[in-house]
Amino acid sequence: MQKVRWLDQDCNKCGRQLNSWDARLSKTLAYKYPCCESCIAGEYDMSAERLRDRMENYFGMRPCQGL
């Protein structure tokens, strides 16, 4: 399992610093501009934990260690 890495990018919606998991989510969901996990979960009207479960079930993606 990968470890979390903080990136030199900010969320396009809320301005928080992005990490490697946020970048993977944004890329998988084909976002034009990367967003954080919280903003993505809010857009789909679900909790971050539920979004993580959904990503694991549909795409086989698991969050990085440390999240």
Protein backbone atom coordinates (compact mmCIF):
# COMPACT_ATOMS: atom_id res chain seq x y z
CA MET A 1 0.00 0.00 0.00
CA GLN A 2 1.28 3.46 -0.87
CA LYS A 3 2.01 6.11 1.73
CA VAL A 4 0.37 9.49 1.51
CA ARG A 5 2.34 12.24 -0.24
CA TRP A 6 1.41 15.90 -0.01
CA LEU A 7 1.42 17.66 -3.37
CA ASP A 8 2.15 21.27 -4.31
CA GLN A 9 -1.43 21.65 -5.56
CA ASP A 10 -4.59 22.98 -3.98
CA CYS A 11 -8.18 21.80 -4.31
CA ASN A 12 -9.99 23.63 -7.08
CA LYS A 13 -13.11 24.09 -4.90
CA CYS A 14 -12.03 24.72 -1.31
CA GLY A 15 -8.31 25.52 -1.60
CA ARG A 16 -6.97 22.76 0.70
CA GLN A 17 -3.61 21.21 -0.12
CA LEU A 18 -4.03 17.99 -2.11
CA ASN A 19 -2.42 14.67 -1.33
CA SER A 20 -1.69 11.67 -3.54
CA TRP A 21 -5.07 10.03 -2.72
CA ASP A 22 -6.95 13.17 -3.80
CA ALA A 23 -5.02 13.19 -7.07
CA ARG A 24 -5.80 9.51 -7.71
CA LEU A 25 -9.51 10.08 -7.04
CA SER A 26 -9.65 13.10 -9.31
CA LYS A 27 -7.90 11.27 -12.13
CA THR A 28 -10.07 8.14 -11.81
CA LEU A 29 -13.27 10.20 -11.86
CA ALA A 30 -11.98 12.25 -14.83
CA TYR A 31 -12.03 15.64 -13.11
CA LYS A 32 -10.54 18.34 -15.30
CA TYR A 33 -9.18 20.13 -12.22
CA PRO A 34 -8.16 18.11 -9.14
CA CYS A 35 -10.36 18.30 -6.03
CA CYS A 36 -9.92 16.98 -2.50
CA GLU A 37 -11.70 13.89 -1.18
CA SER A 38 -14.08 16.01 0.92
CA CYS A 39 -15.27 18.06 -2.04
CA ILE A 40 -15.66 14.97 -4.23
CA ALA A 41 -17.64 13.16 -1.50
CA GLY A 42 -19.83 16.24 -1.05
CA GLU A 43 -20.52 16.41 -4.77
CA TYR A 44 -21.75 12.81 -4.71
CA ASP A 45 -23.67 13.43 -1.43
CA MET A 46 -21.79 10.80 0.60
CA SER A 47 -19.29 10.66 3.44
CA ALA A 48 -15.57 10.30 2.78
CA GLU A 49 -15.68 6.78 4.27
CA ARG A 50 -18.51 5.74 1.97
CA LEU A 51 -16.65 7.20 -1.02
CA ARG A 52 -13.56 5.15 -0.06
CA ASP A 53 -15.67 1.98 0.17
CA ARG A 54 -17.26 2.71 -3.20
CA MET A 55 -13.86 3.30 -4.84
CA GLU A 56 -12.55 0.03 -3.42
CA ASN A 57 -15.59 -1.95 -4.54
CA TYR A 58 -15.83 -0.52 -8.08
CA PHE A 59 -12.25 0.32 -8.97
CA GLY A 60 -10.16 -1.73 -6.53
CA MET A 61 -8.58 1.48 -5.23
CA ARG A 62 -7.62 1.82 -1.57
CA PRO A 63 -6.54 5.02 0.14
CA CYS A 64 -2.88 5.58 0.93
CA GLN A 65 -1.54 4.61 4.37
CA GLY A 66 -1.86 7.43 6.83
CA LEU A 67 -5.30 8.65 5.74
